[in-house]
Amino acid sequence: MAKELPIAPPRIEGSTALVVHEGVPYCIVKTRSGEICAFVAACAHEDRAIVPLRVKRGDIVCPHHGARFDAETGRVSDDRGYDVPTGLESVEVLTRPDGSRAILVRKRHRKLLSKKERRRVAKESASRT
């Protein structure tokens, strides 16, 4: 079952925003062409959250081991020799009738991270607000 989570997409092309829901980080991207896309910000190398979110030269960079993911597709662009098995999981972005945006948050997204990692992300996210 999916839940709609309202988002405020980045305004500038090529920029990103981080949204955290129940300890799961979501990366919201406004592509250079103006499209809005979203990914679960979780690196499959060690099932770690990509928090803090850092983007360098169009790539989302894993803070734990430096793997890079294309910010527009989520694909692995450089695994830094760590054999990252998959890219970032894509998340559906909805445009509501009033023009606002939301992402579809699914239960399986929680399974991409351990409970301990979700707690770390939630705590770090709460300290920033």
N, C-alpha and C. Protein backbone atom coordinates (compact mmCIF):
# COMPACT_ATOMS: atom_id res chain seq x y z
N MET A 1 0.84 -1.18 0.00
CA MET A 1 0.00 0.00 0.00
C MET A 1 0.89 1.25 0.00
N ALA A 2 0.52 2.21 -0.80
CA ALA A 2 1.32 3.43 -0.92
C ALA A 2 0.62 4.59 -0.23
N LYS A 3 1.44 5.52 0.22
CA LYS A 3 0.94 6.73 0.87
C LYS A 3 1.50 7.93 0.12
N GLU A 4 0.66 8.93 -0.11
CA GLU A 4 1.12 10.15 -0.76
C GLU A 4 1.78 11.05 0.28
N LEU A 5 3.00 11.46 -0.02
CA LEU A 5 3.73 12.37 0.86
C LEU A 5 3.96 13.68 0.10
N PRO A 6 3.35 14.78 0.55
CA PRO A 6 3.53 16.06 -0.14
C PRO A 6 5.00 16.48 -0.12
N ILE A 7 5.45 17.05 -1.23
CA ILE A 7 6.83 17.53 -1.33
C ILE A 7 6.84 18.94 -1.89
N ALA A 8 7.93 19.63 -1.64
CA ALA A 8 8.19 20.93 -2.26
C ALA A 8 9.42 20.73 -3.12
N PRO A 9 9.24 20.49 -4.43
CA PRO A 9 10.39 20.23 -5.29
C PRO A 9 11.35 21.41 -5.36
N PRO A 10 12.62 21.13 -5.65
CA PRO A 10 13.58 22.22 -5.84
C PRO A 10 13.13 23.13 -6.99
N ARG A 11 13.43 24.39 -6.89
CA ARG A 11 13.01 25.36 -7.91
C ARG A 11 14.01 25.48 -9.06
N ILE A 12 15.27 25.18 -8.79
CA ILE A 12 16.33 25.39 -9.78
C ILE A 12 16.67 24.08 -10.47
N GLU A 13 16.77 24.12 -11.81
CA GLU A 13 17.15 22.94 -12.57
C GLU A 13 18.50 22.43 -12.10
N GLY A 14 18.62 21.11 -12.00
CA GLY A 14 19.88 20.49 -11.59
C GLY A 14 20.09 20.47 -10.09
N SER A 15 19.06 20.84 -9.31
CA SER A 15 19.23 20.85 -7.85
C SER A 15 18.43 19.73 -7.19
N THR A 16 18.73 19.49 -5.93
CA THR A 16 18.10 18.39 -5.19
C THR A 16 17.59 18.86 -3.84
N ALA A 17 16.71 18.05 -3.27
CA ALA A 17 16.21 18.29 -1.91
C ALA A 17 16.09 16.93 -1.23
N LEU A 18 16.22 16.92 0.08
CA LEU A 18 16.10 15.69 0.85
C LEU A 18 14.83 15.77 1.70
N VAL A 19 14.01 14.71 1.62
CA VAL A 19 12.80 14.60 2.42
C VAL A 19 12.93 13.30 3.21
N VAL A 20 12.65 13.35 4.51
CA VAL A 20 12.74 12.14 5.34
C VAL A 20 11.35 11.81 5.87
N HIS A 21 10.94 10.56 5.68
CA HIS A 21 9.64 10.08 6.18
C HIS A 21 9.86 8.77 6.91
N GLU A 22 9.56 8.76 8.21
CA GLU A 22 9.72 7.57 9.05
C GLU A 22 11.13 6.98 8.94
N GLY A 23 12.12 7.86 8.89
CA GLY A 23 13.51 7.44 8.84
C GLY A 23 14.03 7.05 7.47
N VAL A 24 13.17 7.10 6.46
CA VAL A 24 13.60 6.77 5.10
C VAL A 24 13.86 8.08 4.35
N PRO A 25 15.08 8.25 3.82
CA PRO A 25 15.40 9.48 3.10
C PRO A 25 15.01 9.37 1.61
N TYR A 26 14.42 10.42 1.10
CA TYR A 26 14.05 10.49 -0.31
C TYR A 26 14.75 11.69 -0.92
N CYS A 27 15.37 11.47 -2.07
CA CYS A 27 16.06 12.53 -2.80
C CYS A 27 15.12 13.01 -3.90
N ILE A 28 14.77 14.28 -3.87
CA ILE A 28 13.91 14.89 -4.88
C ILE A 28 14.82 15.71 -5.80
N VAL A 29 14.70 15.47 -7.10
CA VAL A 29 15.60 16.11 -8.07
C VAL A 29 14.79 16.89 -9.10
N LYS A 30 15.23 18.10 -9.38
CA LYS A 30 14.71 18.83 -10.54
C LYS A 30 15.79 18.74 -11.60
N THR A 31 15.50 18.00 -12.66
CA THR A 31 16.51 17.74 -13.68
C THR A 31 16.82 19.01 -14.47
N ARG A 32 17.87 18.95 -15.25
CA ARG A 32 18.26 20.10 -16.07
C ARG A 32 17.17 20.46 -17.07
N SER A 33 16.34 19.46 -17.45
CA SER A 33 15.24 19.74 -18.38
C SER A 33 13.97 20.19 -17.66
N GLY A 34 14.02 20.28 -16.31
CA GLY A 34 12.88 20.78 -15.56
C GLY A 34 11.94 19.72 -15.00
N GLU A 35 12.20 18.45 -15.31
CA GLU A 35 11.37 17.36 -14.78
C GLU A 35 11.67 17.15 -13.30
N ILE A 36 10.68 16.64 -12.56
CA ILE A 36 10.88 16.30 -11.15
C ILE A 36 10.93 14.78 -11.04
N CYS A 37 11.98 14.26 -10.43
CA CYS A 37 12.07 12.82 -10.19
C CYS A 37 12.51 12.60 -8.74
N ALA A 38 12.34 11.38 -8.26
CA ALA A 38 12.67 11.09 -6.87
C ALA A 38 13.22 9.68 -6.74
N PHE A 39 14.07 9.51 -5.73
CA PHE A 39 14.70 8.22 -5.45
C PHE A 39 14.75 8.00 -3.94
N VAL A 40 14.77 6.73 -3.54
CA VAL A 40 15.07 6.43 -2.14
C VAL A 40 16.57 6.63 -2.01
N ALA A 41 17.00 7.47 -1.08
CA ALA A 41 18.42 7.78 -0.92
C ALA A 41 19.08 6.71 -0.06
N ALA A 42 19.21 5.51 -0.64
CA ALA A 42 19.81 4.37 0.06
C ALA A 42 20.78 3.68 -0.88
N CYS A 43 22.03 3.55 -0.45
CA CYS A 43 23.06 2.89 -1.25
C CYS A 43 23.00 1.38 -1.00
N ALA A 44 22.93 0.62 -2.06
CA ALA A 44 22.81 -0.84 -1.94
C ALA A 44 24.12 -1.52 -1.55
N HIS A 45 25.22 -0.79 -1.52
CA HIS A 45 26.50 -1.40 -1.16
C HIS A 45 26.46 -1.98 0.24
N GLU A 46 26.05 -1.19 1.21
CA GLU A 46 25.93 -1.68 2.59
C GLU A 46 24.59 -1.31 3.19
N ASP A 47 23.60 -1.07 2.32
CA ASP A 47 22.26 -0.67 2.77
C ASP A 47 22.32 0.51 3.73
N ARG A 48 23.07 1.52 3.33
CA ARG A 48 23.24 2.73 4.15
C ARG A 48 22.51 3.89 3.49
N ALA A 49 22.01 4.79 4.31
CA ALA A 49 21.32 5.98 3.81
C ALA A 49 22.33 6.98 3.25
N ILE A 50 21.96 7.62 2.18
CA ILE A 50 22.82 8.64 1.58
C ILE A 50 22.46 9.97 2.25
N VAL A 51 22.87 10.05 3.50
CA VAL A 51 22.61 11.22 4.35
C VAL A 51 23.89 11.52 5.10
N PRO A 52 24.43 12.72 5.03
CA PRO A 52 23.86 13.88 4.37
C PRO A 52 23.91 13.74 2.84
N LEU A 53 22.96 14.39 2.19
CA LEU A 53 22.85 14.35 0.73
C LEU A 53 23.83 15.35 0.13
N ARG A 54 24.67 14.84 -0.77
CA ARG A 54 25.66 15.69 -1.45
C ARG A 54 25.62 15.40 -2.93
N VAL A 55 25.60 16.42 -3.74
CA VAL A 55 25.61 16.26 -5.19
C VAL A 55 26.85 16.95 -5.73
N LYS A 56 27.57 16.21 -6.58
CA LYS A 56 28.80 16.74 -7.17
C LYS A 56 28.79 16.44 -8.67
N ARG A 57 28.87 17.49 -9.46
CA ARG A 57 28.92 17.35 -10.92
C ARG A 57 27.81 16.44 -11.46
N GLY A 58 26.60 16.64 -10.96
CA GLY A 58 25.45 15.89 -11.47
C GLY A 58 25.29 14.50 -10.88
N ASP A 59 26.12 14.14 -9.91
CA ASP A 59 26.03 12.82 -9.27
C ASP A 59 25.71 12.96 -7.79
N ILE A 60 24.85 12.07 -7.29
CA ILE A 60 24.60 11.96 -5.86
C ILE A 60 25.74 11.11 -5.31
N VAL A 61 26.40 11.58 -4.26
CA VAL A 61 27.59 10.91 -3.73
C VAL A 61 27.26 10.25 -2.39
N CYS A 62 27.56 8.94 -2.29
CA CYS A 62 27.36 8.22 -1.03
C CYS A 62 28.41 8.70 -0.03
N PRO A 63 27.99 9.19 1.15
CA PRO A 63 28.95 9.70 2.12
C PRO A 63 29.75 8.60 2.82
N HIS A 64 29.36 7.35 2.65
CA HIS A 64 30.01 6.26 3.37
C HIS A 64 31.20 5.66 2.61
N HIS A 65 31.10 5.59 1.29
CA HIS A 65 32.23 5.01 0.55
C HIS A 65 32.49 5.69 -0.79
N GLY A 66 31.77 6.77 -1.10
CA GLY A 66 32.09 7.57 -2.28
C GLY A 66 31.47 7.13 -3.59
N ALA A 67 30.64 6.07 -3.59
CA ALA A 67 29.99 5.67 -4.84
C ALA A 67 29.15 6.85 -5.34
N ARG A 68 29.00 6.91 -6.67
CA ARG A 68 28.26 8.02 -7.28
C ARG A 68 27.10 7.48 -8.09
N PHE A 69 25.97 8.21 -8.01
CA PHE A 69 24.76 7.83 -8.72
C PHE A 69 24.30 9.03 -9.55
N ASP A 70 23.94 8.78 -10.81
CA ASP A 70 23.45 9.86 -11.66
C ASP A 70 22.20 10.47 -11.02
N ALA A 71 22.20 11.76 -10.80
CA ALA A 71 21.10 12.43 -10.10
C ALA A 71 19.80 12.44 -10.90
N GLU A 72 19.88 12.22 -12.22
CA GLU A 72 18.66 12.24 -13.03
C GLU A 72 18.09 10.86 -13.28
N THR A 73 18.91 9.81 -13.17
CA THR A 73 18.43 8.45 -13.45
C THR A 73 18.53 7.52 -12.25
N GLY A 74 19.40 7.84 -11.30
CA GLY A 74 19.62 6.96 -10.15
C GLY A 74 20.60 5.84 -10.42
N ARG A 75 21.07 5.71 -11.66
CA ARG A 75 22.00 4.63 -12.01
C ARG A 75 23.38 4.87 -11.40
N VAL A 76 24.08 3.77 -11.13
CA VAL A 76 25.45 3.87 -10.61
C VAL A 76 26.32 4.46 -11.71
N SER A 77 26.99 5.57 -11.43
CA SER A 77 27.90 6.15 -12.42
C SER A 77 29.35 5.84 -12.10
N ASP A 78 29.65 5.56 -10.82
CA ASP A 78 31.00 5.16 -10.41
C ASP A 78 30.88 4.48 -9.05
N ASP A 79 31.19 3.18 -9.01
CA ASP A 79 31.02 2.45 -7.74
C ASP A 79 32.28 2.49 -6.87
N ARG A 80 33.32 3.17 -7.34
CA ARG A 80 34.57 3.31 -6.59
C ARG A 80 35.16 1.95 -6.20
N GLY A 81 34.88 0.93 -7.02
CA GLY A 81 35.45 -0.40 -6.78
C GLY A 81 34.74 -1.20 -5.71
N TYR A 82 33.56 -0.76 -5.27
CA TYR A 82 32.85 -1.44 -4.19
C TYR A 82 31.77 -2.39 -4.67
N ASP A 83 31.60 -2.59 -5.96
CA ASP A 83 30.60 -3.50 -6.50
C ASP A 83 29.20 -3.18 -5.96
N VAL A 84 28.75 -1.97 -6.21
CA VAL A 84 27.39 -1.57 -5.82
C VAL A 84 26.43 -2.29 -6.75
N PRO A 85 25.56 -3.18 -6.21
CA PRO A 85 24.74 -4.05 -7.06
C PRO A 85 23.65 -3.35 -7.87
N THR A 86 23.07 -2.27 -7.35
CA THR A 86 21.99 -1.59 -8.06
C THR A 86 22.08 -0.09 -7.83
N GLY A 87 21.37 0.63 -8.68
CA GLY A 87 21.27 2.08 -8.50
C GLY A 87 20.25 2.42 -7.43
N LEU A 88 19.86 3.67 -7.39
CA LEU A 88 18.88 4.13 -6.42
C LEU A 88 17.47 3.75 -6.88
N GLU A 89 16.63 3.31 -5.94
CA GLU A 89 15.27 2.92 -6.31
C GLU A 89 14.45 4.17 -6.63
N SER A 90 13.82 4.13 -7.79
CA SER A 90 12.99 5.23 -8.25
C SER A 90 11.69 5.29 -7.45
N VAL A 91 11.19 6.50 -7.23
CA VAL A 91 9.95 6.73 -6.50
C VAL A 91 9.01 7.53 -7.41
N GLU A 92 7.75 7.12 -7.45
CA GLU A 92 6.79 7.79 -8.31
C GLU A 92 6.46 9.19 -7.78
N VAL A 93 6.49 10.17 -8.69
CA VAL A 93 6.15 11.55 -8.35
C VAL A 93 4.78 11.85 -8.96
N LEU A 94 3.87 12.37 -8.14
CA LEU A 94 2.52 12.71 -8.61
C LEU A 94 2.37 14.22 -8.69
N THR A 95 1.62 14.67 -9.70
CA THR A 95 1.22 16.07 -9.77
C THR A 95 -0.27 16.08 -9.49
N ARG A 96 -0.65 16.76 -8.42
CA ARG A 96 -2.05 16.82 -8.01
C ARG A 96 -2.80 17.85 -8.86
N PRO A 97 -4.15 17.77 -8.87
CA PRO A 97 -4.95 18.71 -9.67
C PRO A 97 -4.66 20.18 -9.37
N ASP A 98 -4.27 20.48 -8.13
CA ASP A 98 -3.97 21.88 -7.78
C ASP A 98 -2.54 22.29 -8.15
N GLY A 99 -1.79 21.36 -8.76
CA GLY A 99 -0.42 21.65 -9.19
C GLY A 99 0.65 21.29 -8.17
N SER A 100 0.24 20.96 -6.95
CA SER A 100 1.22 20.56 -5.94
C SER A 100 1.76 19.17 -6.27
N ARG A 101 2.86 18.81 -5.66
CA ARG A 101 3.51 17.53 -5.93
C ARG A 101 3.52 16.64 -4.69
N ALA A 102 3.60 15.34 -4.95
CA ALA A 102 3.71 14.35 -3.87
C ALA A 102 4.51 13.17 -4.40
N ILE A 103 5.12 12.43 -3.49
CA ILE A 103 5.76 11.17 -3.88
C ILE A 103 4.96 10.03 -3.26
N LEU A 104 5.01 8.86 -3.90
CA LEU A 104 4.34 7.68 -3.36
C LEU A 104 5.32 6.91 -2.49
N VAL A 105 5.09 6.95 -1.20
CA VAL A 105 5.93 6.27 -0.22
C VAL A 105 5.39 4.86 -0.05
N ARG A 106 6.25 3.87 -0.19
CA ARG A 106 5.82 2.47 -0.09
C ARG A 106 6.51 1.77 1.07
N LYS A 107 5.85 0.76 1.58
CA LYS A 107 6.37 -0.01 2.71
C LYS A 107 7.74 -0.62 2.38
N ARG A 108 7.91 -1.05 1.14
CA ARG A 108 9.17 -1.71 0.76
C ARG A 108 10.37 -0.76 0.86
N HIS A 109 10.13 0.53 0.82
CA HIS A 109 11.24 1.49 0.95
C HIS A 109 11.91 1.36 2.31
N ARG A 110 11.12 1.06 3.35
CA ARG A 110 11.68 0.89 4.70
C ARG A 110 12.63 -0.30 4.76
N LYS A 111 12.36 -1.30 3.94
CA LYS A 111 13.17 -2.53 3.96
C LYS A 111 14.55 -2.33 3.33
N LEU A 112 14.75 -1.21 2.66
CA LEU A 112 16.05 -0.93 2.05
C LEU A 112 17.10 -0.54 3.09
N LEU A 113 16.63 -0.17 4.30
CA LEU A 113 17.54 0.25 5.37
C LEU A 113 17.20 -0.51 6.65
N SER A 114 18.22 -0.75 7.46
CA SER A 114 17.98 -1.40 8.75
C SER A 114 17.24 -0.44 9.69
N LYS A 115 16.65 -0.99 10.72
CA LYS A 115 15.95 -0.18 11.71
C LYS A 115 16.92 0.82 12.35
N LYS A 116 18.13 0.35 12.63
CA LYS A 116 19.16 1.21 13.23
C LYS A 116 19.49 2.39 12.30
N GLU A 117 19.62 2.11 11.02
CA GLU A 117 19.95 3.17 10.06
C GLU A 117 18.78 4.15 9.92
N ARG A 118 17.54 3.65 9.92
CA ARG A 118 16.38 4.54 9.86
C ARG A 118 16.32 5.46 11.09
N ARG A 119 16.66 4.90 12.26
CA ARG A 119 16.69 5.73 13.48
C ARG A 119 17.75 6.82 13.37
N ARG A 120 18.93 6.47 12.84
CA ARG A 120 20.00 7.45 12.67
C ARG A 120 19.55 8.59 11.76
N VAL A 121 18.92 8.22 10.64
CA VAL A 121 18.46 9.23 9.68
C VAL A 121 17.39 10.12 10.31
N ALA A 122 16.43 9.51 11.02
CA ALA A 122 15.36 10.29 11.66
C ALA A 122 15.94 11.26 12.68
N LYS A 123 16.90 10.79 13.45
CA LYS A 123 17.53 11.64 14.48
C LYS A 123 18.29 12.79 13.83
N GLU A 124 19.06 12.49 12.80
CA GLU A 124 19.83 13.53 12.11
C GLU A 124 18.89 14.54 11.44
N SER A 125 17.81 14.04 10.87
CA SER A 125 16.83 14.90 10.22
C SER A 125 16.15 15.82 11.24
N ALA A 126 15.81 15.29 12.40
CA ALA A 126 15.15 16.09 13.44
C ALA A 126 16.07 17.18 13.98
N SER A 127 17.37 16.89 14.02
CA SER A 127 18.31 17.89 14.55
C SER A 127 18.51 19.05 13.59
N ARG A 128 18.17 18.87 12.32
CA ARG A 128 18.33 19.94 11.33
C ARG A 128 17.14 20.88 11.30
N THR A 129 16.01 20.45 11.86
CA THR A 129 14.81 21.30 11.80
C THR A 129 14.65 22.16 13.02
